[in-house]
N, C-alpha and C. Protein backbone atom coordinates (compact mmCIF):
# COMPACT_ATOMS: atom_id res chain seq x y z
N MET A 1 120.84 87.96 94.08
CA MET A 1 119.43 88.33 93.92
C MET A 1 119.01 88.05 92.47
N GLN A 2 118.00 87.24 92.30
CA GLN A 2 117.55 86.88 90.96
C GLN A 2 116.62 87.95 90.41
N PHE A 3 116.98 88.45 89.22
CA PHE A 3 116.15 89.48 88.59
C PHE A 3 115.29 88.90 87.48
N THR A 4 115.89 88.03 86.69
CA THR A 4 115.22 87.60 85.45
C THR A 4 114.22 86.47 85.67
N ASN A 5 113.22 86.73 86.50
CA ASN A 5 112.09 85.81 86.53
C ASN A 5 110.87 86.56 86.00
N THR A 6 109.81 85.84 85.71
CA THR A 6 108.64 86.43 85.05
C THR A 6 108.03 87.61 85.82
N PRO A 7 107.78 87.49 87.14
CA PRO A 7 107.19 88.63 87.86
C PRO A 7 108.05 89.89 87.79
N ASN A 8 109.37 89.72 87.95
CA ASN A 8 110.25 90.89 87.90
C ASN A 8 110.29 91.53 86.51
N LEU A 9 110.24 90.71 85.49
CA LEU A 9 110.22 91.24 84.12
C LEU A 9 108.91 91.98 83.85
N LEU A 10 107.81 91.47 84.41
CA LEU A 10 106.52 92.18 84.27
C LEU A 10 106.56 93.52 85.00
N THR A 11 107.20 93.56 86.16
CA THR A 11 107.35 94.82 86.90
C THR A 11 108.17 95.81 86.09
N ALA A 12 109.26 95.33 85.50
CA ALA A 12 110.10 96.20 84.67
C ALA A 12 109.32 96.70 83.46
N THR A 13 108.48 95.85 82.90
CA THR A 13 107.64 96.24 81.76
C THR A 13 106.68 97.35 82.16
N ARG A 14 106.11 97.23 83.37
CA ARG A 14 105.18 98.27 83.85
C ARG A 14 105.89 99.61 83.96
N ILE A 15 107.12 99.61 84.45
CA ILE A 15 107.89 100.86 84.54
C ILE A 15 108.14 101.42 83.15
N ALA A 16 108.44 100.53 82.19
CA ALA A 16 108.70 100.97 80.81
C ALA A 16 107.46 101.56 80.17
N PHE A 17 106.27 101.14 80.61
CA PHE A 17 105.01 101.67 80.08
C PHE A 17 104.78 103.14 80.47
N VAL A 18 105.38 103.58 81.56
CA VAL A 18 105.10 104.93 82.10
C VAL A 18 105.37 106.03 81.07
N PRO A 19 106.59 106.12 80.50
CA PRO A 19 106.81 107.19 79.52
C PRO A 19 105.97 107.04 78.26
N VAL A 20 105.59 105.80 77.93
CA VAL A 20 104.76 105.55 76.74
C VAL A 20 103.37 106.16 76.95
N VAL A 21 102.77 105.88 78.11
CA VAL A 21 101.44 106.41 78.42
C VAL A 21 101.46 107.94 78.41
N ILE A 22 102.48 108.52 79.06
CA ILE A 22 102.57 109.98 79.15
C ILE A 22 102.77 110.60 77.77
N THR A 23 103.58 109.96 76.94
CA THR A 23 103.81 110.47 75.57
C THR A 23 102.51 110.47 74.77
N PHE A 24 101.74 109.39 74.87
CA PHE A 24 100.47 109.32 74.14
C PHE A 24 99.52 110.44 74.59
N LEU A 25 99.47 110.69 75.90
CA LEU A 25 98.61 111.78 76.41
C LEU A 25 99.12 113.14 75.96
N TYR A 26 100.42 113.25 75.81
CA TYR A 26 101.03 114.53 75.42
C TYR A 26 100.59 114.97 74.02
N PHE A 27 100.21 114.02 73.17
CA PHE A 27 99.75 114.36 71.82
C PHE A 27 98.42 115.11 71.83
N ARG A 28 97.65 114.97 72.92
CA ARG A 28 96.42 115.73 73.14
C ARG A 28 95.38 115.62 72.03
N THR A 29 95.17 114.39 71.58
CA THR A 29 94.08 114.16 70.63
C THR A 29 93.21 113.04 71.18
N ASP A 30 91.95 112.99 70.74
CA ASP A 30 91.03 111.97 71.23
C ASP A 30 91.55 110.56 70.95
N THR A 31 92.10 110.37 69.77
CA THR A 31 92.60 109.04 69.38
C THR A 31 93.75 108.60 70.29
N TRP A 32 94.72 109.51 70.49
CA TRP A 32 95.87 109.15 71.33
C TRP A 32 95.46 109.00 72.79
N ASP A 33 94.43 109.76 73.21
CA ASP A 33 93.92 109.59 74.58
C ASP A 33 93.41 108.16 74.80
N VAL A 34 92.67 107.65 73.81
CA VAL A 34 92.13 106.29 73.91
C VAL A 34 93.28 105.28 73.91
N ILE A 35 94.27 105.50 73.05
CA ILE A 35 95.43 104.60 73.01
C ILE A 35 96.17 104.63 74.34
N ALA A 36 96.31 105.83 74.92
CA ALA A 36 96.95 105.96 76.24
C ALA A 36 96.17 105.18 77.30
N ALA A 37 94.83 105.28 77.23
CA ALA A 37 93.98 104.57 78.20
C ALA A 37 94.18 103.06 78.10
N PHE A 38 94.19 102.53 76.88
CA PHE A 38 94.38 101.09 76.71
C PHE A 38 95.80 100.66 77.13
N THR A 39 96.78 101.52 76.86
CA THR A 39 98.17 101.23 77.28
C THR A 39 98.26 101.19 78.80
N PHE A 40 97.57 102.13 79.46
CA PHE A 40 97.54 102.15 80.93
C PHE A 40 96.91 100.86 81.45
N VAL A 41 95.81 100.44 80.83
CA VAL A 41 95.13 99.20 81.26
C VAL A 41 96.08 98.00 81.11
N ALA A 42 96.82 97.95 79.99
CA ALA A 42 97.78 96.86 79.79
C ALA A 42 98.83 96.87 80.89
N ALA A 43 99.31 98.07 81.25
CA ALA A 43 100.30 98.19 82.34
C ALA A 43 99.71 97.75 83.66
N ALA A 44 98.45 98.13 83.92
CA ALA A 44 97.79 97.77 85.17
C ALA A 44 97.60 96.25 85.27
N ILE A 45 97.35 95.60 84.15
CA ILE A 45 97.19 94.14 84.14
C ILE A 45 98.49 93.46 84.56
N THR A 46 99.63 94.03 84.17
CA THR A 46 100.92 93.44 84.58
C THR A 46 101.07 93.48 86.10
N ASP A 47 100.43 94.46 86.75
CA ASP A 47 100.48 94.56 88.21
C ASP A 47 99.81 93.35 88.84
N TYR A 48 98.65 92.98 88.31
CA TYR A 48 97.93 91.80 88.82
C TYR A 48 98.73 90.54 88.51
N LEU A 49 99.22 90.44 87.27
CA LEU A 49 99.89 89.21 86.84
C LEU A 49 101.18 88.95 87.61
N ASP A 50 101.99 90.01 87.82
CA ASP A 50 103.28 89.74 88.48
C ASP A 50 103.08 89.25 89.92
N GLY A 51 102.09 89.84 90.61
CA GLY A 51 101.80 89.38 91.97
C GLY A 51 101.27 87.96 92.00
N TYR A 52 100.36 87.66 91.08
CA TYR A 52 99.75 86.32 91.01
C TYR A 52 100.81 85.26 90.71
N ILE A 53 101.65 85.54 89.72
CA ILE A 53 102.69 84.57 89.33
C ILE A 53 103.71 84.40 90.45
N ALA A 54 104.11 85.51 91.09
CA ALA A 54 105.09 85.44 92.17
C ALA A 54 104.57 84.57 93.33
N ARG A 55 103.28 84.73 93.66
CA ARG A 55 102.72 83.96 94.78
C ARG A 55 102.52 82.49 94.42
N THR A 56 101.95 82.23 93.24
CA THR A 56 101.62 80.84 92.89
C THR A 56 102.86 80.01 92.55
N ARG A 57 103.90 80.66 92.00
CA ARG A 57 105.11 79.91 91.62
C ARG A 57 106.24 80.10 92.63
N LYS A 58 105.91 80.78 93.74
CA LYS A 58 106.91 81.04 94.80
C LYS A 58 108.17 81.71 94.24
N LEU A 59 107.94 82.77 93.48
CA LEU A 59 109.04 83.52 92.87
C LEU A 59 109.20 84.91 93.50
N ILE A 60 108.87 85.01 94.77
CA ILE A 60 108.98 86.30 95.47
C ILE A 60 110.45 86.60 95.74
N THR A 61 110.90 87.79 95.30
CA THR A 61 112.29 88.19 95.49
C THR A 61 112.35 89.54 96.20
N VAL A 62 113.54 89.87 96.69
CA VAL A 62 113.74 91.17 97.33
C VAL A 62 113.48 92.29 96.31
N TYR A 63 113.97 92.09 95.09
CA TYR A 63 113.76 93.08 94.04
C TYR A 63 112.26 93.29 93.80
N GLY A 64 111.52 92.19 93.73
CA GLY A 64 110.08 92.28 93.48
C GLY A 64 109.36 93.03 94.60
N LYS A 65 109.73 92.73 95.85
CA LYS A 65 109.10 93.40 96.99
C LYS A 65 109.36 94.91 96.96
N LEU A 66 110.55 95.29 96.49
CA LEU A 66 110.89 96.71 96.43
C LEU A 66 110.28 97.39 95.21
N MET A 67 110.45 96.77 94.04
CA MET A 67 110.09 97.44 92.79
C MET A 67 108.61 97.37 92.43
N ASP A 68 107.90 96.33 92.86
CA ASP A 68 106.49 96.21 92.49
C ASP A 68 105.66 97.41 92.97
N PRO A 69 105.73 97.76 94.27
CA PRO A 69 104.95 98.94 94.69
C PRO A 69 105.47 100.24 94.08
N LEU A 70 106.79 100.33 93.84
CA LEU A 70 107.34 101.53 93.20
C LEU A 70 106.85 101.67 91.77
N ALA A 71 106.78 100.56 91.05
CA ALA A 71 106.29 100.59 89.66
C ALA A 71 104.86 101.10 89.62
N ASP A 72 104.04 100.65 90.57
CA ASP A 72 102.65 101.13 90.66
C ASP A 72 102.62 102.64 90.87
N LYS A 73 103.45 103.11 91.79
CA LYS A 73 103.47 104.54 92.11
C LYS A 73 103.95 105.36 90.92
N PHE A 74 104.98 104.88 90.22
CA PHE A 74 105.47 105.58 89.02
C PHE A 74 104.34 105.74 88.00
N LEU A 75 103.61 104.64 87.77
CA LEU A 75 102.54 104.65 86.77
C LEU A 75 101.39 105.56 87.19
N VAL A 76 100.93 105.41 88.42
CA VAL A 76 99.77 106.16 88.89
C VAL A 76 100.10 107.64 89.06
N VAL A 77 101.20 107.94 89.74
CA VAL A 77 101.54 109.35 90.02
C VAL A 77 101.82 110.10 88.72
N SER A 78 102.57 109.50 87.81
CA SER A 78 102.85 110.16 86.52
C SER A 78 101.56 110.43 85.75
N SER A 79 100.66 109.45 85.75
CA SER A 79 99.39 109.61 85.03
C SER A 79 98.52 110.69 85.67
N LEU A 80 98.45 110.71 87.00
CA LEU A 80 97.67 111.74 87.70
C LEU A 80 98.19 113.14 87.40
N ILE A 81 99.50 113.30 87.42
CA ILE A 81 100.10 114.62 87.16
C ILE A 81 99.81 115.05 85.73
N MET A 82 99.91 114.11 84.78
CA MET A 82 99.63 114.45 83.38
C MET A 82 98.15 114.79 83.19
N LEU A 83 97.26 114.06 83.86
CA LEU A 83 95.83 114.36 83.76
C LEU A 83 95.51 115.73 84.36
N GLN A 84 96.21 116.10 85.40
CA GLN A 84 96.03 117.43 85.99
C GLN A 84 96.53 118.50 85.01
N GLU A 85 97.65 118.22 84.36
CA GLU A 85 98.19 119.14 83.35
C GLU A 85 97.19 119.34 82.20
N LEU A 86 96.46 118.28 81.88
CA LEU A 86 95.46 118.36 80.81
C LEU A 86 94.14 118.99 81.29
N GLY A 87 94.08 119.33 82.58
CA GLY A 87 92.89 119.97 83.14
C GLY A 87 91.73 119.03 83.39
N ARG A 88 92.02 117.75 83.56
CA ARG A 88 90.95 116.77 83.73
C ARG A 88 90.66 116.43 85.20
N ILE A 89 91.62 116.74 86.06
CA ILE A 89 91.38 116.54 87.49
C ILE A 89 91.97 117.71 88.26
N PRO A 90 91.36 118.09 89.39
CA PRO A 90 91.86 119.24 90.16
C PRO A 90 93.22 118.95 90.78
N ALA A 91 94.04 119.99 90.84
CA ALA A 91 95.39 119.86 91.40
C ALA A 91 95.35 119.38 92.84
N ILE A 92 94.36 119.83 93.61
CA ILE A 92 94.29 119.47 95.03
C ILE A 92 94.10 117.97 95.21
N VAL A 93 93.35 117.33 94.31
CA VAL A 93 93.14 115.88 94.38
C VAL A 93 94.46 115.17 94.13
N VAL A 94 95.20 115.63 93.12
CA VAL A 94 96.50 115.04 92.81
C VAL A 94 97.44 115.20 94.00
N MET A 95 97.46 116.39 94.61
CA MET A 95 98.34 116.64 95.74
C MET A 95 98.03 115.70 96.90
N ILE A 96 96.75 115.53 97.20
CA ILE A 96 96.37 114.65 98.31
C ILE A 96 96.78 113.21 98.03
N LEU A 97 96.49 112.74 96.81
CA LEU A 97 96.82 111.35 96.47
C LEU A 97 98.33 111.11 96.46
N VAL A 98 99.08 112.06 95.91
CA VAL A 98 100.54 111.91 95.87
C VAL A 98 101.14 111.97 97.28
N CYS A 99 100.67 112.93 98.08
CA CYS A 99 101.18 113.04 99.46
C CYS A 99 100.84 111.79 100.27
N ARG A 100 99.68 111.21 100.03
CA ARG A 100 99.30 109.98 100.71
C ARG A 100 100.27 108.87 100.35
N GLU A 101 100.60 108.75 99.06
CA GLU A 101 101.53 107.70 98.62
C GLU A 101 102.90 107.90 99.27
N LEU A 102 103.39 109.14 99.28
CA LEU A 102 104.69 109.43 99.89
C LEU A 102 104.67 109.14 101.39
N GLY A 103 103.56 109.52 102.03
CA GLY A 103 103.43 109.30 103.47
C GLY A 103 103.45 107.83 103.84
N ILE A 104 102.69 107.02 103.10
CA ILE A 104 102.63 105.59 103.40
C ILE A 104 103.97 104.92 103.10
N THR A 105 104.62 105.33 102.01
CA THR A 105 105.94 104.77 101.68
C THR A 105 106.93 105.09 102.80
N SER A 106 106.88 106.32 103.30
CA SER A 106 107.78 106.72 104.40
C SER A 106 107.47 105.94 105.67
N LEU A 107 106.18 105.78 105.98
CA LEU A 107 105.79 105.00 107.17
C LEU A 107 106.31 103.57 107.08
N ARG A 108 106.17 102.98 105.90
CA ARG A 108 106.62 101.60 105.73
C ARG A 108 108.14 101.49 105.90
N ALA A 109 108.87 102.49 105.36
CA ALA A 109 110.33 102.48 105.49
C ALA A 109 110.73 102.62 106.95
N LEU A 110 110.06 103.51 107.66
CA LEU A 110 110.33 103.72 109.08
C LEU A 110 109.99 102.47 109.89
N ALA A 111 108.85 101.85 109.57
CA ALA A 111 108.45 100.62 110.25
C ALA A 111 109.47 99.52 110.01
N SER A 112 109.93 99.42 108.76
CA SER A 112 110.92 98.40 108.40
C SER A 112 112.20 98.57 109.20
N SER A 113 112.62 99.82 109.41
CA SER A 113 113.84 100.08 110.18
C SER A 113 113.68 99.66 111.64
N GLU A 114 112.43 99.56 112.10
CA GLU A 114 112.14 99.12 113.48
C GLU A 114 111.81 97.62 113.52
N GLY A 115 111.94 96.96 112.37
CA GLY A 115 111.67 95.53 112.31
C GLY A 115 110.20 95.18 112.17
N VAL A 116 109.39 96.17 111.76
CA VAL A 116 107.95 95.95 111.60
C VAL A 116 107.60 95.95 110.12
N ILE A 117 106.86 94.95 109.69
CA ILE A 117 106.39 94.90 108.31
C ILE A 117 104.91 95.28 108.29
N ILE A 118 104.60 96.36 107.58
CA ILE A 118 103.20 96.78 107.44
C ILE A 118 102.73 96.31 106.07
N SER A 119 101.91 95.28 106.06
CA SER A 119 101.44 94.74 104.79
C SER A 119 100.27 95.59 104.26
N SER A 120 99.97 95.40 103.00
CA SER A 120 98.88 96.15 102.38
C SER A 120 97.56 95.82 103.06
N SER A 121 96.80 96.87 103.36
CA SER A 121 95.49 96.66 103.97
C SER A 121 94.47 96.38 102.87
N GLU A 122 93.32 95.86 103.28
CA GLU A 122 92.25 95.59 102.31
C GLU A 122 91.79 96.89 101.65
N SER A 123 91.69 97.96 102.46
CA SER A 123 91.25 99.25 101.90
C SER A 123 92.30 99.81 100.94
N GLY A 124 93.58 99.55 101.23
CA GLY A 124 94.65 99.98 100.33
C GLY A 124 94.56 99.30 98.98
N LYS A 125 94.21 98.01 99.01
CA LYS A 125 94.05 97.26 97.75
C LYS A 125 92.84 97.77 96.97
N TRP A 126 91.75 98.09 97.70
CA TRP A 126 90.58 98.66 97.04
C TRP A 126 90.91 100.00 96.41
N LYS A 127 91.67 100.81 97.13
CA LYS A 127 92.07 102.13 96.61
C LYS A 127 92.83 101.97 95.31
N THR A 128 93.78 101.04 95.29
CA THR A 128 94.57 100.80 94.08
C THR A 128 93.68 100.35 92.94
N GLY A 129 92.77 99.41 93.23
CA GLY A 129 91.88 98.89 92.19
C GLY A 129 90.99 99.96 91.59
N VAL A 130 90.41 100.79 92.46
CA VAL A 130 89.52 101.87 91.99
C VAL A 130 90.31 102.89 91.17
N GLN A 131 91.51 103.23 91.64
CA GLN A 131 92.37 104.17 90.90
C GLN A 131 92.72 103.63 89.52
N MET A 132 93.02 102.34 89.47
CA MET A 132 93.43 101.72 88.20
C MET A 132 92.29 101.68 87.18
N VAL A 133 91.06 101.81 87.65
CA VAL A 133 89.92 101.91 86.73
C VAL A 133 89.63 103.37 86.42
N ALA A 134 89.72 104.23 87.44
CA ALA A 134 89.41 105.65 87.25
C ALA A 134 90.34 106.34 86.25
N ILE A 135 91.64 106.06 86.36
CA ILE A 135 92.62 106.78 85.55
C ILE A 135 92.43 106.57 84.04
N PRO A 136 92.31 105.33 83.54
CA PRO A 136 92.08 105.20 82.09
C PRO A 136 90.75 105.78 81.64
N CYS A 137 89.74 105.77 82.53
CA CYS A 137 88.45 106.40 82.19
C CYS A 137 88.65 107.90 81.98
N LEU A 138 89.47 108.52 82.82
CA LEU A 138 89.74 109.95 82.70
C LEU A 138 90.59 110.27 81.47
N MET A 139 91.39 109.30 81.06
CA MET A 139 92.22 109.50 79.87
C MET A 139 91.36 109.58 78.62
N GLY A 140 90.34 108.74 78.53
CA GLY A 140 89.48 108.73 77.34
C GLY A 140 88.37 109.75 77.46
N LYS A 141 88.71 111.01 77.56
CA LYS A 141 87.73 112.06 77.86
C LYS A 141 86.61 112.14 76.83
N ALA A 142 86.94 111.95 75.56
CA ALA A 142 85.92 112.06 74.51
C ALA A 142 84.90 110.92 74.59
N GLY A 143 85.29 109.85 75.27
CA GLY A 143 84.39 108.70 75.38
C GLY A 143 84.47 107.83 74.13
N PHE A 144 84.10 106.60 74.28
CA PHE A 144 84.02 105.69 73.15
C PHE A 144 83.02 104.61 73.50
N TRP A 145 82.51 103.94 72.48
CA TRP A 145 81.46 102.94 72.63
C TRP A 145 80.20 103.54 73.27
N HIS A 146 80.01 104.86 73.13
CA HIS A 146 78.85 105.58 73.68
C HIS A 146 78.73 105.44 75.20
N ILE A 147 79.87 105.24 75.85
CA ILE A 147 79.89 105.15 77.32
C ILE A 147 80.61 106.39 77.86
N PRO A 148 80.01 107.09 78.84
CA PRO A 148 80.65 108.32 79.37
C PRO A 148 81.80 107.99 80.34
N PHE A 149 82.89 107.46 79.78
CA PHE A 149 83.99 107.01 80.63
C PHE A 149 84.57 108.14 81.49
N TYR A 150 84.62 109.34 80.92
CA TYR A 150 85.22 110.46 81.67
C TYR A 150 84.42 110.74 82.95
N GLN A 151 83.10 110.79 82.84
CA GLN A 151 82.26 111.04 84.01
C GLN A 151 82.37 109.90 85.03
N ILE A 152 82.45 108.68 84.52
CA ILE A 152 82.64 107.52 85.41
C ILE A 152 83.98 107.65 86.13
N GLY A 153 85.00 108.06 85.39
CA GLY A 153 86.33 108.24 85.97
C GLY A 153 86.36 109.30 87.06
N GLN A 154 85.61 110.39 86.85
CA GLN A 154 85.56 111.44 87.87
C GLN A 154 84.96 110.91 89.18
N VAL A 155 83.86 110.18 89.06
CA VAL A 155 83.21 109.62 90.25
C VAL A 155 84.17 108.65 90.95
N LEU A 156 84.77 107.77 90.18
CA LEU A 156 85.67 106.77 90.75
C LEU A 156 86.90 107.41 91.39
N LEU A 157 87.37 108.52 90.81
CA LEU A 157 88.54 109.20 91.39
C LEU A 157 88.24 109.69 92.80
N TYR A 158 87.05 110.25 93.00
CA TYR A 158 86.69 110.73 94.34
C TYR A 158 86.42 109.57 95.30
N VAL A 159 85.94 108.46 94.76
CA VAL A 159 85.80 107.25 95.59
C VAL A 159 87.20 106.79 96.03
N ALA A 160 88.15 106.78 95.07
CA ALA A 160 89.53 106.39 95.38
C ALA A 160 90.14 107.34 96.40
N LEU A 161 89.83 108.62 96.29
CA LEU A 161 90.34 109.62 97.23
C LEU A 161 89.84 109.33 98.65
N ALA A 162 88.55 109.03 98.78
CA ALA A 162 87.97 108.73 100.09
C ALA A 162 88.60 107.46 100.68
N ILE A 163 88.72 106.42 99.85
CA ILE A 163 89.34 105.17 100.32
C ILE A 163 90.80 105.40 100.70
N SER A 164 91.46 106.25 99.90
CA SER A 164 92.88 106.57 100.13
C SER A 164 93.10 107.19 101.51
N LEU A 165 92.23 108.14 101.86
CA LEU A 165 92.36 108.81 103.16
C LEU A 165 92.05 107.83 104.30
N TRP A 166 91.05 106.98 104.10
CA TRP A 166 90.69 105.99 105.11
C TRP A 166 91.83 104.98 105.31
N SER A 167 92.41 104.49 104.20
CA SER A 167 93.49 103.51 104.32
C SER A 167 94.74 104.15 104.93
N ALA A 168 94.98 105.44 104.65
CA ALA A 168 96.12 106.14 105.26
C ALA A 168 95.96 106.16 106.78
N TRP A 169 94.73 106.40 107.24
CA TRP A 169 94.44 106.37 108.68
C TRP A 169 94.72 104.99 109.25
N GLN A 170 94.29 103.95 108.53
CA GLN A 170 94.51 102.58 109.00
C GLN A 170 96.00 102.24 109.08
N TYR A 171 96.77 102.65 108.06
CA TYR A 171 98.21 102.41 108.08
C TYR A 171 98.86 103.11 109.28
N GLY A 172 98.44 104.36 109.52
CA GLY A 172 98.99 105.12 110.63
C GLY A 172 98.71 104.44 111.97
N VAL A 173 97.47 104.00 112.16
CA VAL A 173 97.08 103.31 113.40
C VAL A 173 97.89 102.02 113.55
N ALA A 174 98.00 101.24 112.47
CA ALA A 174 98.75 99.98 112.51
C ALA A 174 100.22 100.23 112.84
N PHE A 175 100.79 101.28 112.25
CA PHE A 175 102.19 101.60 112.49
C PHE A 175 102.45 101.93 113.96
N PHE A 176 101.66 102.84 114.51
CA PHE A 176 101.90 103.26 115.90
C PHE A 176 101.57 102.15 116.89
N ALA A 177 100.60 101.30 116.58
CA ALA A 177 100.29 100.16 117.45
C ALA A 177 101.46 99.18 117.45
N SER A 178 102.02 98.91 116.27
CA SER A 178 103.17 98.00 116.16
C SER A 178 104.38 98.57 116.87
N LEU A 179 104.58 99.86 116.72
CA LEU A 179 105.73 100.52 117.35
C LEU A 179 105.63 100.44 118.87
N ARG A 180 104.43 100.68 119.40
CA ARG A 180 104.23 100.59 120.86
C ARG A 180 104.50 99.18 121.36
N GLU A 181 104.03 98.19 120.59
CA GLU A 181 104.23 96.80 120.99
C GLU A 181 105.71 96.44 121.00
N ILE A 182 106.44 96.87 119.99
CA ILE A 182 107.88 96.58 119.91
C ILE A 182 108.61 97.22 121.09
N ARG A 183 108.28 98.47 121.39
CA ARG A 183 108.93 99.16 122.51
C ARG A 183 108.58 98.50 123.84
N ARG A 184 107.35 98.03 123.97
CA ARG A 184 106.94 97.33 125.18
C ARG A 184 107.74 96.04 125.36
N LEU A 185 107.91 95.29 124.26
CA LEU A 185 108.67 94.03 124.32
C LEU A 185 110.14 94.29 124.61
N LYS A 186 110.69 95.35 124.02
CA LYS A 186 112.09 95.69 124.28
C LYS A 186 112.30 96.06 125.75
N LYS A 187 111.36 96.84 126.27
CA LYS A 187 111.45 97.24 127.68
C LYS A 187 111.34 96.02 128.59
N GLN A 188 110.42 95.12 128.26
CA GLN A 188 110.25 93.87 129.02
C GLN A 188 111.54 93.06 129.02
N ASN A 189 112.14 92.98 127.83
CA ASN A 189 113.36 92.22 127.66
C ASN A 189 114.50 92.83 128.47
N ARG A 190 114.60 94.15 128.47
CA ARG A 190 115.63 94.84 129.26
C ARG A 190 115.44 94.60 130.75
N GLU A 191 114.20 94.66 131.19
CA GLU A 191 113.90 94.44 132.62
C GLU A 191 114.21 93.00 133.04
N ARG A 192 113.98 92.07 132.12
CA ARG A 192 114.20 90.66 132.43
C ARG A 192 115.69 90.34 132.46
N THR A 193 116.45 90.93 131.52
CA THR A 193 117.88 90.64 131.44
C THR A 193 118.72 91.59 132.29
N GLY A 194 118.09 92.70 132.70
CA GLY A 194 118.83 93.68 133.51
C GLY A 194 119.83 94.50 132.72
N VAL A 195 119.66 94.51 131.39
CA VAL A 195 120.59 95.26 130.53
C VAL A 195 120.01 96.62 130.24
């Protein structure tokens, strides 16, 4: 398994950004909040770049398929928990978003064990995109450039929450539809072979 290609190194870099972002937020000053926000944005950009490079240069690996979504979850979940600790977002929103991520990851693992691949839905991609904008806005609570980033982040977070619940429903429907189809084909095959 090849690890040292550009997309995989970008994924590893995104994971390395996680403790850096959290440490900057831990300082609890307006300046460090802004630095944390820009660091988060830099990490989020690596998410776009690693996928783009992997697809265009045909550098898709097993490691990349496993670690890329995990790196996103590490970054987003850690940031959400820290923002809740700072009192910037309600705990219930964090719980719903984290449980959704765990649920979808579990569904995908279960589907994979049945030979079904559940690819990212369009709404799932929108949810990720909106979250990746909302989180750094919430980090820069004091605002900068005379733009109310914190208020924008609050609105976007609830938009991400709504999309998140909708995409979770879509994943669930896709999973059970695929499972029914696989069982139907297996039954057909057994009836045809008499096994």
